[in-house]
Amino acid sequence: QVQLVESGGGLVQAGGSLRLSCAASGRTFSTYAMGWFRQAPGKEHEFVATITWNGLVSDYADSVKGRFTISRDNAKNTVYLQMNSLKPEDTAVYFCAARSTYYSSILYRTRGDYAYWGQGTQVTVSS
């Protein structure tokens, strides 16, 4: 069982930056693939980024490539999402998610791939 707690959301002007953090409980964090998703009002959950258990491979949605960076620190049981050049359309609740992968390097991009979810953190980008 993994519990996830996001932080770092807030209000920022367009062009600004935020760094989201997701702290995980449990001793097996280093074996989990991690992902970030977001949900804007009235819209479905949208994949944002994912990273393998060892942090060596990552993938992004086309809408955030070149602006967002996912990373992890397994010693701190934390995954991060650095968001630069923010746009109003990035406004959403951002969720982190985890799934056990037994050291696989598969990248997981869909909501159903993940077993554990945080409660979300609001990001609002003003124009």
N, C-alpha and C. Protein backbone atom coordinates (compact mmCIF):
# COMPACT_ATOMS: atom_id res chain seq x y z
N GLN A 1 0.84 -1.19 0.00
CA GLN A 1 0.00 0.00 0.00
C GLN A 1 0.88 1.25 0.00
N VAL A 2 0.53 2.21 -0.84
CA VAL A 2 1.28 3.46 -0.95
C VAL A 2 0.31 4.61 -0.76
N GLN A 3 0.70 5.56 0.05
CA GLN A 3 -0.08 6.79 0.19
C GLN A 3 0.71 7.94 -0.42
N LEU A 4 0.01 8.77 -1.19
CA LEU A 4 0.66 9.84 -1.93
C LEU A 4 0.07 11.18 -1.52
N VAL A 5 0.94 12.17 -1.31
CA VAL A 5 0.49 13.50 -0.92
C VAL A 5 1.20 14.53 -1.80
N GLU A 6 0.40 15.24 -2.60
CA GLU A 6 0.95 16.27 -3.47
C GLU A 6 1.02 17.61 -2.75
N SER A 7 1.95 18.44 -3.20
CA SER A 7 2.07 19.80 -2.69
C SER A 7 2.73 20.66 -3.76
N GLY A 8 2.68 21.97 -3.56
CA GLY A 8 3.38 22.88 -4.45
C GLY A 8 2.50 23.62 -5.44
N GLY A 9 1.22 23.31 -5.45
CA GLY A 9 0.33 24.01 -6.36
C GLY A 9 0.10 25.45 -5.91
N GLY A 10 -0.56 26.21 -6.76
CA GLY A 10 -0.84 27.60 -6.42
C GLY A 10 -1.25 28.40 -7.62
N LEU A 11 -1.25 29.71 -7.45
CA LEU A 11 -1.61 30.66 -8.50
C LEU A 11 -0.34 31.29 -9.06
N VAL A 12 -0.22 31.27 -10.37
CA VAL A 12 0.97 31.83 -11.01
C VAL A 12 0.55 32.52 -12.31
N GLN A 13 1.29 33.52 -12.70
CA GLN A 13 1.00 34.21 -13.96
C GLN A 13 1.52 33.39 -15.14
N ALA A 14 0.93 33.59 -16.27
CA ALA A 14 1.40 32.92 -17.49
C ALA A 14 2.87 33.23 -17.71
N GLY A 15 3.62 32.20 -18.08
CA GLY A 15 5.06 32.34 -18.25
C GLY A 15 5.85 31.99 -17.02
N GLY A 16 5.18 31.85 -15.90
CA GLY A 16 5.85 31.54 -14.65
C GLY A 16 6.13 30.05 -14.48
N SER A 17 6.62 29.72 -13.30
CA SER A 17 7.02 28.34 -13.00
C SER A 17 6.47 27.90 -11.64
N LEU A 18 6.26 26.61 -11.54
CA LEU A 18 5.92 25.96 -10.27
C LEU A 18 6.60 24.61 -10.23
N ARG A 19 6.90 24.14 -9.02
CA ARG A 19 7.39 22.78 -8.86
C ARG A 19 6.45 22.03 -7.92
N LEU A 20 5.85 21.00 -8.44
CA LEU A 20 5.00 20.13 -7.63
C LEU A 20 5.83 19.01 -7.04
N SER A 21 5.45 18.61 -5.84
CA SER A 21 6.08 17.47 -5.17
C SER A 21 5.01 16.45 -4.81
N CYS A 22 5.42 15.21 -4.79
CA CYS A 22 4.52 14.13 -4.38
C CYS A 22 5.32 13.23 -3.44
N ALA A 23 4.95 13.26 -2.17
CA ALA A 23 5.63 12.45 -1.17
C ALA A 23 4.88 11.14 -0.98
N ALA A 24 5.64 10.06 -0.99
CA ALA A 24 5.04 8.73 -0.89
C ALA A 24 5.43 8.06 0.42
N SER A 25 4.51 7.33 0.97
CA SER A 25 4.80 6.53 2.17
C SER A 25 5.23 5.14 1.74
N GLY A 26 5.80 4.39 2.63
CA GLY A 26 6.14 3.00 2.32
C GLY A 26 7.59 2.82 1.93
N ARG A 27 8.06 1.59 2.10
CA ARG A 27 9.47 1.29 1.86
C ARG A 27 9.74 0.83 0.44
N THR A 28 8.69 0.71 -0.38
CA THR A 28 8.88 0.17 -1.72
C THR A 28 8.76 1.21 -2.81
N PHE A 29 8.85 2.49 -2.43
CA PHE A 29 8.68 3.57 -3.41
C PHE A 29 9.62 3.38 -4.59
N SER A 30 10.84 2.95 -4.34
CA SER A 30 11.83 2.86 -5.40
C SER A 30 11.48 1.81 -6.45
N THR A 31 10.51 0.97 -6.19
CA THR A 31 10.11 -0.04 -7.17
C THR A 31 8.89 0.39 -7.99
N TYR A 32 8.37 1.58 -7.72
CA TYR A 32 7.14 2.03 -8.36
C TYR A 32 7.42 2.96 -9.54
N ALA A 33 6.70 2.76 -10.63
CA ALA A 33 6.62 3.78 -11.66
C ALA A 33 5.70 4.88 -11.14
N MET A 34 6.01 6.11 -11.50
CA MET A 34 5.23 7.25 -11.03
C MET A 34 4.72 8.06 -12.22
N GLY A 35 3.58 8.65 -12.03
CA GLY A 35 3.01 9.47 -13.09
C GLY A 35 2.34 10.71 -12.53
N TRP A 36 2.20 11.70 -13.39
CA TRP A 36 1.42 12.90 -13.09
C TRP A 36 0.29 13.00 -14.10
N PHE A 37 -0.88 13.30 -13.60
CA PHE A 37 -2.06 13.53 -14.43
C PHE A 37 -2.67 14.86 -14.00
N ARG A 38 -3.56 15.36 -14.81
CA ARG A 38 -4.27 16.58 -14.42
C ARG A 38 -5.71 16.51 -14.91
N GLN A 39 -6.54 17.27 -14.23
CA GLN A 39 -7.96 17.33 -14.61
C GLN A 39 -8.43 18.77 -14.51
N ALA A 40 -8.79 19.30 -15.65
CA ALA A 40 -9.37 20.64 -15.71
C ALA A 40 -10.87 20.54 -15.51
N PRO A 41 -11.51 21.63 -15.09
CA PRO A 41 -12.96 21.59 -14.85
C PRO A 41 -13.72 21.11 -16.09
N GLY A 42 -14.58 20.14 -15.88
CA GLY A 42 -15.40 19.64 -16.96
C GLY A 42 -14.69 18.74 -17.95
N LYS A 43 -13.45 18.38 -17.65
CA LYS A 43 -12.68 17.54 -18.57
C LYS A 43 -12.24 16.24 -17.90
N GLU A 44 -11.83 15.30 -18.72
CA GLU A 44 -11.33 14.02 -18.23
C GLU A 44 -9.91 14.20 -17.68
N HIS A 45 -9.50 13.19 -16.87
CA HIS A 45 -8.10 13.15 -16.47
C HIS A 45 -7.22 13.08 -17.71
N GLU A 46 -6.14 13.82 -17.68
CA GLU A 46 -5.22 13.88 -18.81
C GLU A 46 -3.82 13.49 -18.34
N PHE A 47 -3.19 12.60 -19.09
CA PHE A 47 -1.81 12.22 -18.79
C PHE A 47 -0.88 13.41 -18.97
N VAL A 48 0.06 13.58 -18.04
CA VAL A 48 1.03 14.67 -18.13
C VAL A 48 2.44 14.12 -18.32
N ALA A 49 2.86 13.23 -17.40
CA ALA A 49 4.24 12.74 -17.45
C ALA A 49 4.34 11.45 -16.65
N THR A 50 5.36 10.66 -16.99
CA THR A 50 5.61 9.43 -16.25
C THR A 50 7.11 9.19 -16.17
N ILE A 51 7.52 8.44 -15.16
CA ILE A 51 8.94 8.15 -14.96
C ILE A 51 9.08 6.73 -14.42
N THR A 52 10.12 6.04 -14.89
CA THR A 52 10.35 4.68 -14.44
C THR A 52 10.87 4.65 -13.00
N TRP A 53 10.91 3.44 -12.45
CA TRP A 53 11.28 3.27 -11.04
C TRP A 53 12.65 3.84 -10.71
N ASN A 54 13.57 3.78 -11.68
CA ASN A 54 14.93 4.24 -11.43
C ASN A 54 15.20 5.65 -11.92
N GLY A 55 14.17 6.28 -12.48
CA GLY A 55 14.33 7.66 -12.94
C GLY A 55 15.08 7.82 -14.24
N LEU A 56 15.40 6.72 -14.92
CA LEU A 56 16.23 6.82 -16.11
C LEU A 56 15.43 7.10 -17.38
N VAL A 57 14.16 6.79 -17.36
CA VAL A 57 13.34 6.98 -18.55
C VAL A 57 12.07 7.73 -18.17
N SER A 58 11.69 8.68 -19.00
CA SER A 58 10.47 9.44 -18.74
C SER A 58 9.77 9.74 -20.06
N ASP A 59 8.53 10.14 -19.94
CA ASP A 59 7.74 10.48 -21.13
C ASP A 59 6.75 11.56 -20.75
N TYR A 60 6.32 12.31 -21.76
CA TYR A 60 5.47 13.46 -21.53
C TYR A 60 4.35 13.53 -22.56
N ALA A 61 3.27 14.17 -22.15
CA ALA A 61 2.25 14.52 -23.12
C ALA A 61 2.81 15.58 -24.06
N ASP A 62 2.34 15.55 -25.29
CA ASP A 62 2.83 16.52 -26.27
C ASP A 62 2.60 17.96 -25.80
N SER A 63 1.51 18.17 -25.08
CA SER A 63 1.15 19.53 -24.67
C SER A 63 2.12 20.13 -23.66
N VAL A 64 2.94 19.29 -23.02
CA VAL A 64 3.86 19.82 -22.00
C VAL A 64 5.33 19.56 -22.33
N LYS A 65 5.60 18.85 -23.40
CA LYS A 65 7.00 18.56 -23.77
C LYS A 65 7.78 19.84 -23.94
N GLY A 66 8.98 19.84 -23.37
CA GLY A 66 9.84 21.00 -23.47
C GLY A 66 9.58 22.05 -22.40
N ARG A 67 8.46 21.90 -21.66
CA ARG A 67 8.13 22.85 -20.60
C ARG A 67 8.13 22.21 -19.21
N PHE A 68 7.73 20.95 -19.13
CA PHE A 68 7.63 20.25 -17.86
C PHE A 68 8.73 19.19 -17.77
N THR A 69 9.20 18.94 -16.54
CA THR A 69 10.19 17.91 -16.30
C THR A 69 9.80 17.10 -15.08
N ILE A 70 9.72 15.80 -15.24
CA ILE A 70 9.45 14.91 -14.12
C ILE A 70 10.77 14.34 -13.62
N SER A 71 10.89 14.21 -12.31
CA SER A 71 12.09 13.63 -11.71
C SER A 71 11.70 12.97 -10.40
N ARG A 72 12.63 12.21 -9.84
CA ARG A 72 12.33 11.54 -8.58
C ARG A 72 13.59 11.44 -7.74
N ASP A 73 13.38 11.38 -6.45
CA ASP A 73 14.46 11.15 -5.49
C ASP A 73 14.03 9.97 -4.63
N ASN A 74 14.52 8.81 -4.94
CA ASN A 74 14.08 7.61 -4.22
C ASN A 74 14.53 7.61 -2.76
N ALA A 75 15.60 8.32 -2.46
CA ALA A 75 16.04 8.41 -1.07
C ALA A 75 15.05 9.21 -0.23
N LYS A 76 14.31 10.11 -0.89
CA LYS A 76 13.32 10.93 -0.19
C LYS A 76 11.89 10.49 -0.45
N ASN A 77 11.73 9.40 -1.20
CA ASN A 77 10.38 8.90 -1.52
C ASN A 77 9.52 10.01 -2.14
N THR A 78 10.10 10.75 -3.06
CA THR A 78 9.41 11.90 -3.63
C THR A 78 9.59 11.96 -5.14
N VAL A 79 8.53 12.32 -5.82
CA VAL A 79 8.59 12.60 -7.25
C VAL A 79 8.20 14.06 -7.45
N TYR A 80 8.80 14.67 -8.45
CA TYR A 80 8.61 16.10 -8.70
C TYR A 80 8.09 16.33 -10.12
N LEU A 81 7.44 17.47 -10.28
CA LEU A 81 7.07 17.93 -11.62
C LEU A 81 7.43 19.41 -11.69
N GLN A 82 8.51 19.70 -12.39
CA GLN A 82 8.92 21.09 -12.61
C GLN A 82 8.16 21.61 -13.82
N MET A 83 7.42 22.68 -13.63
CA MET A 83 6.58 23.23 -14.69
C MET A 83 7.06 24.65 -15.01
N ASN A 84 7.54 24.82 -16.22
CA ASN A 84 8.02 26.13 -16.67
C ASN A 84 7.15 26.64 -17.81
N SER A 85 7.26 27.93 -18.10
CA SER A 85 6.51 28.55 -19.21
C SER A 85 5.04 28.18 -19.13
N LEU A 86 4.47 28.32 -17.96
CA LEU A 86 3.09 27.91 -17.74
C LEU A 86 2.13 28.74 -18.57
N LYS A 87 1.06 28.08 -19.01
CA LYS A 87 0.03 28.70 -19.83
C LYS A 87 -1.32 28.59 -19.11
N PRO A 88 -2.26 29.46 -19.43
CA PRO A 88 -3.58 29.35 -18.80
C PRO A 88 -4.21 27.97 -19.00
N GLU A 89 -3.94 27.34 -20.11
CA GLU A 89 -4.52 26.02 -20.36
C GLU A 89 -3.89 24.92 -19.52
N ASP A 90 -2.85 25.24 -18.74
CA ASP A 90 -2.30 24.28 -17.79
C ASP A 90 -3.08 24.27 -16.48
N THR A 91 -4.03 25.18 -16.34
CA THR A 91 -4.84 25.24 -15.13
C THR A 91 -5.62 23.94 -14.94
N ALA A 92 -5.43 23.32 -13.77
CA ALA A 92 -6.07 22.03 -13.50
C ALA A 92 -5.71 21.61 -12.08
N VAL A 93 -6.37 20.56 -11.63
CA VAL A 93 -5.91 19.85 -10.44
C VAL A 93 -4.92 18.79 -10.90
N TYR A 94 -3.76 18.78 -10.29
CA TYR A 94 -2.70 17.85 -10.67
C TYR A 94 -2.62 16.72 -9.64
N PHE A 95 -2.57 15.50 -10.16
CA PHE A 95 -2.54 14.31 -9.33
C PHE A 95 -1.27 13.52 -9.62
N CYS A 96 -0.66 12.97 -8.57
CA CYS A 96 0.39 12.00 -8.82
C CYS A 96 -0.18 10.61 -8.60
N ALA A 97 0.45 9.63 -9.25
CA ALA A 97 -0.03 8.26 -9.21
C ALA A 97 1.15 7.31 -9.20
N ALA A 98 0.92 6.12 -8.66
CA ALA A 98 1.99 5.12 -8.53
C ALA A 98 1.49 3.74 -8.91
N ARG A 99 2.39 2.94 -9.44
CA ARG A 99 2.09 1.53 -9.65
C ARG A 99 3.37 0.72 -9.47
N SER A 100 3.20 -0.44 -8.93
CA SER A 100 4.33 -1.33 -8.75
C SER A 100 4.74 -1.90 -10.10
N THR A 101 6.06 -1.95 -10.34
CA THR A 101 6.52 -2.40 -11.65
C THR A 101 7.57 -3.50 -11.58
N TYR A 102 8.00 -3.85 -10.37
CA TYR A 102 9.01 -4.89 -10.22
C TYR A 102 10.21 -4.63 -11.13
N TYR A 103 10.65 -3.37 -11.17
CA TYR A 103 11.85 -2.93 -11.88
C TYR A 103 11.72 -2.95 -13.40
N SER A 104 10.51 -2.93 -13.88
CA SER A 104 10.29 -2.84 -15.33
C SER A 104 10.57 -1.42 -15.82
N SER A 105 10.93 -1.30 -17.08
CA SER A 105 11.16 0.01 -17.69
C SER A 105 10.02 0.41 -18.62
N ILE A 106 8.88 -0.23 -18.45
CA ILE A 106 7.71 0.14 -19.24
C ILE A 106 7.22 1.51 -18.77
N LEU A 107 6.78 2.33 -19.72
CA LEU A 107 6.20 3.64 -19.41
C LEU A 107 4.69 3.52 -19.42
N TYR A 108 4.06 4.06 -18.41
CA TYR A 108 2.62 3.94 -18.24
C TYR A 108 1.96 5.30 -18.44
N ARG A 109 1.02 5.37 -19.36
CA ARG A 109 0.47 6.66 -19.76
C ARG A 109 -1.04 6.80 -19.56
N THR A 110 -1.69 5.75 -19.08
CA THR A 110 -3.13 5.84 -18.93
C THR A 110 -3.53 5.73 -17.47
N ARG A 111 -4.68 6.31 -17.15
CA ARG A 111 -5.14 6.35 -15.78
C ARG A 111 -5.29 4.96 -15.19
N GLY A 112 -5.80 4.03 -15.97
CA GLY A 112 -6.02 2.68 -15.49
C GLY A 112 -4.77 1.89 -15.18
N ASP A 113 -3.62 2.40 -15.60
CA ASP A 113 -2.36 1.72 -15.32
C ASP A 113 -1.92 1.87 -13.87
N TYR A 114 -2.49 2.83 -13.17
CA TYR A 114 -2.01 3.18 -11.83
C TYR A 114 -2.99 2.73 -10.75
N ALA A 115 -2.42 2.20 -9.66
CA ALA A 115 -3.24 1.67 -8.57
C ALA A 115 -3.42 2.68 -7.44
N TYR A 116 -2.48 3.59 -7.30
CA TYR A 116 -2.50 4.50 -6.16
C TYR A 116 -2.49 5.95 -6.63
N TRP A 117 -3.28 6.78 -5.93
CA TRP A 117 -3.45 8.17 -6.34
C TRP A 117 -3.40 9.09 -5.13
N GLY A 118 -2.87 10.30 -5.35
CA GLY A 118 -2.93 11.33 -4.34
C GLY A 118 -4.24 12.09 -4.43
N GLN A 119 -4.40 13.06 -3.56
CA GLN A 119 -5.66 13.81 -3.49
C GLN A 119 -5.69 14.99 -4.46
N GLY A 120 -4.53 15.34 -5.00
CA GLY A 120 -4.47 16.41 -5.98
C GLY A 120 -4.06 17.75 -5.39
N THR A 121 -3.48 18.58 -6.24
CA THR A 121 -3.12 19.95 -5.86
C THR A 121 -3.51 20.88 -7.00
N GLN A 122 -4.12 22.02 -6.65
CA GLN A 122 -4.64 22.94 -7.67
C GLN A 122 -3.53 23.81 -8.23
N VAL A 123 -3.48 23.89 -9.53
CA VAL A 123 -2.60 24.82 -10.23
C VAL A 123 -3.46 25.75 -11.06
N THR A 124 -3.31 27.04 -10.86
CA THR A 124 -4.07 28.03 -11.60
C THR A 124 -3.10 29.00 -12.25
N VAL A 125 -3.22 29.13 -13.57
CA VAL A 125 -2.34 30.02 -14.33
C VAL A 125 -3.19 31.15 -14.88
N SER A 126 -2.87 32.36 -14.47
CA SER A 126 -3.63 33.53 -14.92
C SER A 126 -2.99 34.13 -16.17
N SER A 127 -3.83 34.69 -17.00
CA SER A 127 -3.33 35.27 -18.26
C SER A 127 -2.95 36.74 -18.09
